[in-house]
Amino acid sequence: MFLLQSNDKKERNRVSHLADILIAISASNDMKELLELTLNKALKALYSDRGSIFLAGDDGKELFLKWEHNVNSKEKDIRKKLGEDIMGKVAEDKKPVLVKDIRYDQRFNLRRMYANYKTRSFLCVPIATDTKLIGIINITENKANKPYSDGDLKFLMIVADHIALKIEKSQLLSEIGHLRKKTESDSKFADIGKFSSGISHELTNPLDGVIRYTNLAIETAEDGVVKEYLMEAKSGLSRITNIVRSLLELTRYKKPASPKFIDVNKSIETSINFLRYETMCKAASIVKNLSPDLPMIPDFGFDSVFSNIFKNSMDALNEKGSISVSTALDNGFVKISIRDTGCGISKNNIERIFEPFFTTKAMGKGSGLGLSICYDIVKRYNGKIDVSSEPNKGSIFTVYIPHGVGK
């Protein structure tokens, strides 16, 4: 892979371009903007003059041109059937193609089609997950009049993987929004089960692939801004994967006959460690007052309780806010209190915060599943969660777990 072989200026520039493209994909919330930015930046990175992105139709049998650069006016209403010409074949097989010179490539009889091109080398890469075709990205007309390399192909494959992940995420968030509007409280947990199975199936494999590419990039990237970006990307991708798998586990969960036991304080420390970046960005502080005499408790997924509550508290903070956490034994319970100085919760909303899909965050910022997952996990212990909050005065979440549960 080009990331494993490069120390020269060209390859370092390519890694820099890749980081720039991935940031742009992550920040974009508009489909048209996503396609335009990605194509333009990919053309710049590959020093090319012509490119296009096709998306699959709803039936998955045709490709439609959605964004282009320097495509001839006659061609701007292009649609291709799966299996037709090179794009259709790439879409059907979901395998990328590098043609170094169309005149001598025995795989495709496309010489006449590319007669009006200045160069005869091109890249055609599927935008797809393991189970779903989303589209195709094409790049041609290298300004240096040279054939594209294997490194160029792999670069475009990484970009295509990230486009697929972004579009898939947007579609899933849209479905969550529809589910949140139509479901009632008593039936929502059943809907989570159905929906989480789909999430796990559709996202886990492509996420694993993107994480592999990111790990390869980290191993060879030089210390500096690019490597920091990649490390943040890896952390975020790992967190998404864990959330998806936790959600599936939640809906299929059965208490193990012989559970392993965990240290509550260590679980808290791990959750706080995941917030290092957010804590630094907001100049926030986290204060701990952890009792050293807590008993071990069985692992029924308790780590997710802390990570979700801490994440909500951090989201609620303004700059230089604070979160404090304390643990203690209290009348036969392990008591964990998490207090923040954030925006607080209104009286009308506080009664609904544990409902699945209920959220006051903007679309794309939260699914409304975090606290419902917390509630369900605490019920596994026959415990409870109390919440005290006022707008602009912060919130306190207090979790009670019976001492000796699971023994």
Protein backbone atom coordinates (compact mmCIF):
# COMPACT_ATOMS: atom_id res chain seq x y z
CA MET A 1 0.00 0.00 0.00
CA PHE A 2 1.29 3.48 -0.85
CA LEU A 3 1.05 4.54 2.79
CA LEU A 4 3.50 1.75 3.69
CA GLN A 5 6.06 2.65 1.06
CA SER A 6 6.33 6.40 1.08
CA ASN A 7 8.83 8.74 2.54
CA ASP A 8 9.05 11.12 -0.38
CA LYS A 9 7.34 14.46 -0.73
CA LYS A 10 4.68 13.20 -3.15
CA GLU A 11 3.44 10.55 -0.78
CA ARG A 12 3.53 12.83 2.25
CA ASN A 13 1.41 15.28 0.27
CA ARG A 14 -0.98 12.47 -0.55
CA VAL A 15 -1.41 11.60 3.13
CA SER A 16 -2.05 15.30 3.84
CA HIS A 17 -4.66 15.40 1.05
CA LEU A 18 -6.28 12.27 2.48
CA ALA A 19 -6.58 13.81 5.94
CA ASP A 20 -8.10 16.93 4.36
CA ILE A 21 -10.66 14.88 2.41
CA LEU A 22 -11.66 12.78 5.43
CA ILE A 23 -12.20 15.91 7.54
CA ALA A 24 -14.36 17.42 4.76
CA ILE A 25 -16.43 14.23 4.50
CA SER A 26 -16.92 14.10 8.25
CA ALA A 27 -17.97 17.77 8.47
CA SER A 28 -20.44 17.73 5.57
CA ASN A 29 -24.15 17.31 6.34
CA ASP A 30 -25.44 17.97 2.82
CA MET A 31 -25.32 15.31 0.09
CA LYS A 32 -24.59 17.74 -2.74
CA GLU A 33 -21.85 19.44 -0.74
CA LEU A 34 -20.39 16.06 0.24
CA LEU A 35 -20.13 14.88 -3.38
CA GLU A 36 -18.81 18.19 -4.71
CA LEU A 37 -16.15 18.63 -2.01
CA THR A 38 -15.00 15.02 -2.20
CA LEU A 39 -14.69 14.95 -5.99
CA ASN A 40 -12.89 18.30 -6.19
CA LYS A 41 -10.43 17.38 -3.44
CA ALA A 42 -9.80 13.94 -4.95
CA LEU A 43 -9.08 15.52 -8.34
CA LYS A 44 -6.64 17.92 -6.72
CA ALA A 45 -4.91 15.15 -4.78
CA LEU A 46 -4.57 13.00 -7.92
CA TYR A 47 -3.56 15.96 -10.12
CA SER A 48 -6.44 15.29 -12.51
CA ASP A 49 -8.89 17.27 -14.65
CA ARG A 50 -11.96 15.08 -15.05
CA GLY A 51 -14.11 13.09 -12.68
CA SER A 52 -17.62 12.04 -11.77
CA ILE A 53 -19.67 10.42 -9.02
CA PHE A 54 -22.64 8.18 -9.81
CA LEU A 55 -25.14 6.99 -7.20
CA ALA A 56 -27.24 3.85 -7.39
CA GLY A 57 -31.00 4.18 -7.83
CA ASP A 58 -33.47 2.95 -5.22
CA ASP A 59 -33.82 -0.41 -6.97
CA GLY A 60 -30.03 -0.84 -7.12
CA LYS A 61 -30.16 -1.70 -10.83
CA GLU A 62 -28.98 1.59 -12.35
CA LEU A 63 -26.37 4.28 -11.72
CA PHE A 64 -27.21 7.97 -12.11
CA LEU A 65 -24.70 10.80 -12.58
CA LYS A 66 -24.93 13.02 -9.49
CA TRP A 67 -21.79 15.16 -9.64
CA GLU A 68 -19.14 15.80 -12.28
CA HIS A 69 -16.17 17.95 -13.22
CA ASN A 70 -15.36 18.61 -16.88
CA VAL A 71 -17.73 15.94 -18.18
CA ASN A 72 -18.93 16.78 -21.71
CA SER A 73 -22.37 18.46 -21.84
CA LYS A 74 -23.78 15.57 -23.88
CA GLU A 75 -22.91 13.17 -21.12
CA LYS A 76 -24.46 14.96 -18.16
CA ASP A 77 -27.65 12.86 -18.12
CA ILE A 78 -25.75 9.58 -18.05
CA ARG A 79 -27.30 6.55 -16.46
CA LYS A 80 -25.73 3.11 -16.52
CA LYS A 81 -27.23 -0.29 -15.86
CA LEU A 82 -25.37 -2.73 -13.62
CA GLY A 83 -23.13 -4.87 -15.81
CA GLU A 84 -23.08 -2.29 -18.63
CA ASP A 85 -19.69 -0.96 -19.71
CA ILE A 86 -16.91 -0.50 -17.19
CA MET A 87 -18.89 1.45 -14.57
CA GLY A 88 -21.71 -1.06 -14.63
CA LYS A 89 -19.24 -3.93 -14.22
CA VAL A 90 -17.45 -2.23 -11.34
CA ALA A 91 -20.81 -1.56 -9.70
CA GLU A 92 -22.02 -5.12 -10.22
CA ASP A 93 -18.83 -6.73 -8.90
CA LYS A 94 -18.10 -4.01 -6.29
CA LYS A 95 -14.41 -4.27 -7.26
CA PRO A 96 -12.22 -1.26 -8.20
CA VAL A 97 -10.53 -0.97 -11.57
CA LEU A 98 -7.30 0.75 -12.66
CA VAL A 99 -6.77 1.05 -16.41
CA LYS A 100 -3.27 2.29 -17.24
CA ASP A 101 -3.84 2.52 -20.99
CA ILE A 102 -7.20 1.74 -22.55
CA ARG A 103 -5.54 0.97 -25.91
CA TYR A 104 -3.73 -2.05 -24.51
CA ASP A 105 -6.12 -3.18 -21.77
CA GLN A 106 -7.60 -6.51 -22.85
CA ARG A 107 -10.37 -6.49 -20.23
CA PHE A 108 -12.53 -3.79 -21.82
CA ASN A 109 -13.43 -2.87 -25.36
CA LEU A 110 -13.84 0.83 -24.68
CA ARG A 111 -11.37 2.52 -27.02
CA ARG A 112 -14.02 4.46 -28.95
CA MET A 113 -15.70 5.65 -25.77
CA TYR A 114 -12.45 7.23 -24.55
CA ALA A 115 -11.34 8.61 -27.93
CA ASN A 116 -12.03 12.20 -26.82
CA TYR A 117 -9.89 11.91 -23.68
CA LYS A 118 -6.44 13.48 -23.57
CA THR A 119 -5.09 10.61 -21.54
CA ARG A 120 -6.03 6.94 -21.64
CA SER A 121 -5.66 6.01 -17.99
CA PHE A 122 -8.49 6.14 -15.46
CA LEU A 123 -9.71 4.95 -12.07
CA CYS A 124 -13.17 3.56 -11.35
CA VAL A 125 -13.94 2.68 -7.72
CA PRO A 126 -17.19 1.46 -6.09
CA ILE A 127 -18.70 3.38 -3.19
CA ALA A 128 -20.13 0.48 -1.25
CA THR A 129 -20.43 -1.46 1.97
CA ASP A 130 -20.03 -5.24 2.06
CA THR A 131 -23.76 -5.66 1.45
CA LYS A 132 -24.92 -2.52 -0.36
CA LEU A 133 -23.88 -0.60 -3.46
CA ILE A 134 -24.10 3.17 -2.98
CA GLY A 135 -22.37 4.42 -6.13
CA ILE A 136 -19.19 4.83 -8.20
CA ILE A 137 -16.40 7.44 -8.31
CA ASN A 138 -14.38 7.96 -11.51
CA ILE A 139 -11.12 9.89 -12.01
CA THR A 140 -9.27 10.51 -15.32
CA GLU A 141 -7.23 13.06 -17.31
CA ASN A 142 -4.02 13.08 -15.27
CA LYS A 143 -2.46 16.52 -15.87
CA ALA A 144 1.02 15.01 -16.03
CA ASN A 145 -0.18 12.76 -18.87
CA LYS A 146 0.96 9.70 -16.93
CA PRO A 147 -0.92 6.51 -16.09
CA TYR A 148 -2.38 6.23 -12.60
CA SER A 149 -0.54 4.03 -10.12
CA ASP A 150 -1.64 1.33 -7.69
CA GLY A 151 -1.09 3.90 -4.95
CA ASP A 152 -3.55 6.25 -6.66
CA LEU A 153 -6.11 3.44 -6.79
CA LYS A 154 -5.72 2.62 -3.11
CA PHE A 155 -5.97 6.30 -2.21
CA LEU A 156 -9.31 6.54 -4.03
CA MET A 157 -10.52 3.31 -2.41
CA ILE A 158 -9.99 4.83 1.06
CA VAL A 159 -11.91 7.96 0.01
CA ALA A 160 -14.75 5.82 -1.39
CA ASP A 161 -14.96 3.81 1.85
CA HIS A 162 -15.40 7.01 3.85
CA ILE A 163 -18.06 8.37 1.47
CA ALA A 164 -19.97 5.09 1.85
CA LEU A 165 -19.71 5.28 5.64
CA LYS A 166 -20.92 8.90 5.69
CA ILE A 167 -23.90 8.26 3.38
CA GLU A 168 -24.84 5.09 5.27
CA LYS A 169 -24.72 6.98 8.56
CA SER A 170 -26.94 9.77 7.16
CA GLN A 171 -29.48 7.24 5.95
CA LEU A 172 -29.53 5.49 9.32
CA LEU A 173 -29.97 8.76 11.19
CA SER A 174 -32.89 9.60 8.93
CA GLU A 175 -34.48 6.25 9.72
CA ILE A 176 -33.94 6.87 13.44
CA GLY A 177 -35.77 10.18 13.08
CA HIS A 178 -38.74 8.51 11.41
CA LEU A 179 -38.82 5.77 14.05
CA ARG A 180 -38.69 8.31 16.87
CA LYS A 181 -41.74 10.13 15.52
CA LYS A 182 -43.93 7.08 14.95
CA THR A 183 -43.16 4.88 17.95
CA GLU A 184 -44.85 5.00 21.37
CA SER A 185 -43.12 4.32 24.66
CA ASP A 186 -44.28 0.72 25.21
CA SER A 187 -43.28 -0.47 21.75
CA LYS A 188 -39.99 1.38 21.36
CA PHE A 189 -37.75 -1.29 22.85
CA ALA A 190 -39.04 -3.80 20.31
CA ASP A 191 -38.22 -1.31 17.55
CA ILE A 192 -34.70 -0.92 18.92
CA GLY A 193 -34.22 -4.66 18.56
CA LYS A 194 -35.27 -4.69 14.90
CA PHE A 195 -33.35 -1.55 14.06
CA SER A 196 -30.17 -2.49 15.90
CA SER A 197 -29.92 -5.76 13.97
CA GLY A 198 -29.92 -3.74 10.75
CA ILE A 199 -27.36 -1.28 12.11
CA SER A 200 -24.99 -4.05 13.14
CA HIS A 201 -25.31 -5.85 9.82
CA GLU A 202 -24.87 -2.75 7.65
CA LEU A 203 -22.18 -0.88 9.58
CA THR A 204 -19.90 -3.33 11.36
CA ASN A 205 -18.09 -4.73 8.29
CA PRO A 206 -17.44 -1.39 6.54
CA LEU A 207 -16.35 0.14 9.84
CA ASP A 208 -13.84 -2.65 10.38
CA GLY A 209 -12.45 -2.01 6.90
CA VAL A 210 -12.06 1.72 7.49
CA ILE A 211 -10.39 1.05 10.84
CA ARG A 212 -7.87 -1.25 9.10
CA TYR A 213 -6.98 1.49 6.61
CA THR A 214 -6.66 4.01 9.43
CA ASN A 215 -4.37 1.69 11.41
CA LEU A 216 -2.14 1.22 8.36
CA ALA A 217 -1.94 4.98 7.89
CA ILE A 218 -1.07 5.56 11.56
CA GLU A 219 1.73 2.99 11.45
CA THR A 220 3.58 4.85 8.71
CA ALA A 221 2.54 8.49 9.17
CA GLU A 222 5.18 10.84 10.52
CA ASP A 223 4.56 12.57 13.84
CA GLY A 224 2.58 15.75 13.36
CA VAL A 225 -0.87 17.07 12.54
CA VAL A 226 -1.74 14.32 10.04
CA LYS A 227 -0.99 11.56 12.55
CA GLU A 228 -3.04 13.38 15.20
CA TYR A 229 -5.98 13.55 12.78
CA LEU A 230 -5.67 9.84 12.08
CA MET A 231 -5.55 9.00 15.80
CA GLU A 232 -8.73 11.00 16.39
CA ALA A 233 -10.34 9.25 13.42
CA LYS A 234 -9.40 5.86 14.84
CA SER A 235 -10.82 6.74 18.25
CA GLY A 236 -14.10 7.89 16.74
CA LEU A 237 -14.42 4.84 14.47
CA SER A 238 -13.73 2.47 17.36
CA ARG A 239 -16.36 4.22 19.44
CA ILE A 240 -18.95 3.91 16.65
CA THR A 241 -18.19 0.20 16.32
CA ASN A 242 -18.56 -0.31 20.09
CA ILE A 243 -21.87 1.56 20.16
CA VAL A 244 -23.29 -0.52 17.32
CA ARG A 245 -22.24 -3.77 18.94
CA SER A 246 -23.46 -2.64 22.36
CA LEU A 247 -26.85 -1.80 20.92
CA LEU A 248 -27.16 -5.26 19.37
CA GLU A 249 -26.00 -6.82 22.62
CA LEU A 250 -28.59 -4.79 24.54
CA THR A 251 -31.51 -6.21 22.56
CA ARG A 252 -30.27 -9.82 22.71
CA TYR A 253 -28.82 -9.68 26.19
CA LYS A 254 -29.08 -12.62 28.57
CA LYS A 255 -27.43 -12.55 31.96
CA PRO A 256 -24.46 -14.93 31.95
CA ALA A 257 -24.63 -17.83 34.39
CA SER A 258 -21.09 -17.06 35.62
CA PRO A 259 -20.38 -13.37 34.93
CA LYS A 260 -16.96 -11.84 35.33
CA PHE A 261 -16.70 -9.11 37.96
CA ILE A 262 -15.48 -5.56 37.41
CA ASP A 263 -14.04 -2.73 39.50
CA VAL A 264 -16.48 0.22 39.43
CA ASN A 265 -13.74 2.81 39.95
CA LYS A 266 -11.59 1.42 37.13
CA SER A 267 -14.63 1.45 34.84
CA ILE A 268 -15.15 5.13 35.68
CA GLU A 269 -11.48 5.93 34.99
CA THR A 270 -11.72 4.23 31.59
CA SER A 271 -14.82 6.23 30.65
CA ILE A 272 -13.18 9.50 31.72
CA ASN A 273 -10.12 8.62 29.64
CA PHE A 274 -12.29 8.49 26.51
CA LEU A 275 -13.24 12.13 27.13
CA ARG A 276 -9.69 13.51 27.11
CA TYR A 277 -10.08 15.26 23.77
CA GLU A 278 -13.46 16.87 24.60
CA THR A 279 -12.16 17.87 28.03
CA MET A 280 -9.18 19.60 26.47
CA CYS A 281 -11.27 21.36 23.78
CA LYS A 282 -13.69 22.80 26.35
CA ALA A 283 -11.02 23.52 28.97
CA ALA A 284 -13.29 21.55 31.30
CA SER A 285 -12.33 19.86 34.55
CA ILE A 286 -13.25 16.45 35.92
CA VAL A 287 -13.13 15.99 39.71
CA LYS A 288 -13.08 12.48 41.20
CA ASN A 289 -13.91 11.36 44.73
CA LEU A 290 -13.83 7.57 44.49
CA SER A 291 -14.21 5.30 47.52
CA PRO A 292 -11.46 2.66 47.69
CA ASP A 293 -13.70 0.17 49.54
CA LEU A 294 -16.26 -0.69 46.87
CA PRO A 295 -17.13 -4.34 46.22
CA MET A 296 -16.68 -5.78 42.72
CA ILE A 297 -19.91 -6.04 40.72
CA PRO A 298 -20.82 -8.44 37.89
CA ASP A 299 -20.25 -7.23 34.35
CA PHE A 300 -23.72 -6.86 32.84
CA GLY A 301 -22.53 -4.09 30.51
CA PHE A 302 -21.95 -1.47 33.21
CA ASP A 303 -19.21 0.37 31.27
CA SER A 304 -21.89 1.67 28.89
CA VAL A 305 -23.71 3.37 31.78
CA PHE A 306 -20.72 5.54 32.62
CA SER A 307 -19.70 6.28 29.04
CA ASN A 308 -23.20 7.44 28.09
CA ILE A 309 -23.79 9.59 31.17
CA PHE A 310 -20.32 11.17 30.98
CA LYS A 311 -20.78 11.89 27.27
CA ASN A 312 -24.15 13.59 27.94
CA SER A 313 -22.62 15.65 30.73
CA MET A 314 -19.73 16.74 28.52
CA ASP A 315 -22.13 17.71 25.71
CA ALA A 316 -24.08 19.85 28.18
CA LEU A 317 -21.02 21.83 29.32
CA ASN A 318 -19.96 25.23 28.11
CA GLU A 319 -16.28 26.13 28.14
CA LYS A 320 -14.54 25.79 31.50
CA GLY A 321 -17.40 23.77 32.97
CA SER A 322 -16.86 20.85 35.28
CA ILE A 323 -17.97 17.29 35.95
CA SER A 324 -17.59 15.65 39.33
CA VAL A 325 -18.01 11.97 40.07
CA SER A 326 -18.15 10.21 43.42
CA THR A 327 -18.59 6.60 44.55
CA ALA A 328 -19.60 5.25 47.95
CA LEU A 329 -21.38 2.45 49.79
CA ASP A 330 -24.82 3.65 50.90
CA ASN A 331 -27.34 1.47 52.78
CA GLY A 332 -26.58 -1.73 50.90
CA PHE A 333 -26.03 -0.06 47.53
CA VAL A 334 -23.00 0.93 45.50
CA LYS A 335 -23.81 4.60 44.84
CA ILE A 336 -22.32 6.50 41.90
CA SER A 337 -23.08 10.23 41.50
CA ILE A 338 -22.17 12.23 38.39
CA ARG A 339 -22.73 15.98 38.59
CA ASP A 340 -22.16 18.56 35.85
CA THR A 341 -22.41 22.34 35.61
CA GLY A 342 -24.02 22.21 32.15
CA CYS A 343 -27.20 23.57 30.63
CA GLY A 344 -29.52 21.35 32.66
CA ILE A 345 -32.80 19.67 31.69
CA SER A 346 -36.26 21.22 31.70
CA LYS A 347 -39.03 19.80 33.89
CA ASN A 348 -41.02 18.71 30.83
CA ASN A 349 -38.11 16.78 29.38
CA ILE A 350 -36.71 15.18 32.53
CA GLU A 351 -39.58 12.68 32.66
CA ARG A 352 -38.80 11.50 29.12
CA ILE A 353 -35.00 11.30 29.04
CA PHE A 354 -34.92 7.50 29.43
CA GLU A 355 -37.36 6.92 26.57
CA PRO A 356 -35.73 5.32 23.54
CA PHE A 357 -35.21 7.79 20.67
CA PHE A 358 -36.05 10.84 22.78
CA THR A 359 -33.44 13.58 22.44
CA THR A 360 -33.27 17.35 22.53
CA LYS A 361 -30.08 17.38 20.44
CA ALA A 362 -30.05 18.38 16.78
CA MET A 363 -30.38 15.62 14.18
CA GLY A 364 -27.01 13.98 13.68
CA LYS A 365 -25.79 14.98 17.17
CA GLY A 366 -27.57 12.23 19.09
CA SER A 367 -29.84 9.25 18.49
CA GLY A 368 -31.72 9.37 21.81
CA LEU A 369 -30.52 5.86 22.70
CA GLY A 370 -27.77 6.53 25.26
CA LEU A 371 -29.84 7.03 28.41
CA SER A 372 -32.34 4.32 27.47
CA ILE A 373 -29.39 1.92 27.25
CA CYS A 374 -28.24 3.11 30.70
CA TYR A 375 -31.72 2.55 32.12
CA ASP A 376 -31.96 -0.97 30.72
CA ILE A 377 -28.50 -1.96 31.98
CA VAL A 378 -29.19 -0.68 35.50
CA LYS A 379 -32.43 -2.72 35.53
CA ARG A 380 -30.31 -5.85 34.98
CA TYR A 381 -28.87 -5.24 38.45
CA ASN A 382 -32.29 -4.48 39.99
CA GLY A 383 -30.87 -1.01 40.56
CA LYS A 384 -32.17 2.47 39.80
CA ILE A 385 -31.13 5.85 38.38
CA ASP A 386 -32.23 9.14 39.95
CA VAL A 387 -31.95 12.43 38.07
CA SER A 388 -32.02 15.95 39.50
CA SER A 389 -31.70 18.92 37.15
CA GLU A 390 -32.69 22.51 36.46
CA PRO A 391 -32.12 24.62 33.34
CA ASN A 392 -28.79 26.50 33.51
CA LYS A 393 -27.92 24.87 36.86
CA GLY A 394 -26.54 21.54 35.76
CA SER A 395 -27.63 17.96 36.38
CA ILE A 396 -26.96 15.13 38.82
CA PHE A 397 -27.30 11.48 37.79
CA THR A 398 -27.18 9.02 40.70
CA VAL A 399 -26.95 5.30 40.06
CA TYR A 400 -27.70 2.71 42.76
CA ILE A 401 -26.55 -0.92 42.39
CA PRO A 402 -27.48 -3.42 45.14
CA HIS A 403 -24.47 -4.62 47.13
CA GLY A 404 -23.83 -8.30 46.47
CA VAL A 405 -25.83 -8.55 43.24
CA GLY A 406 -24.82 -11.50 41.05
CA LYS A 407 -23.26 -13.53 43.87
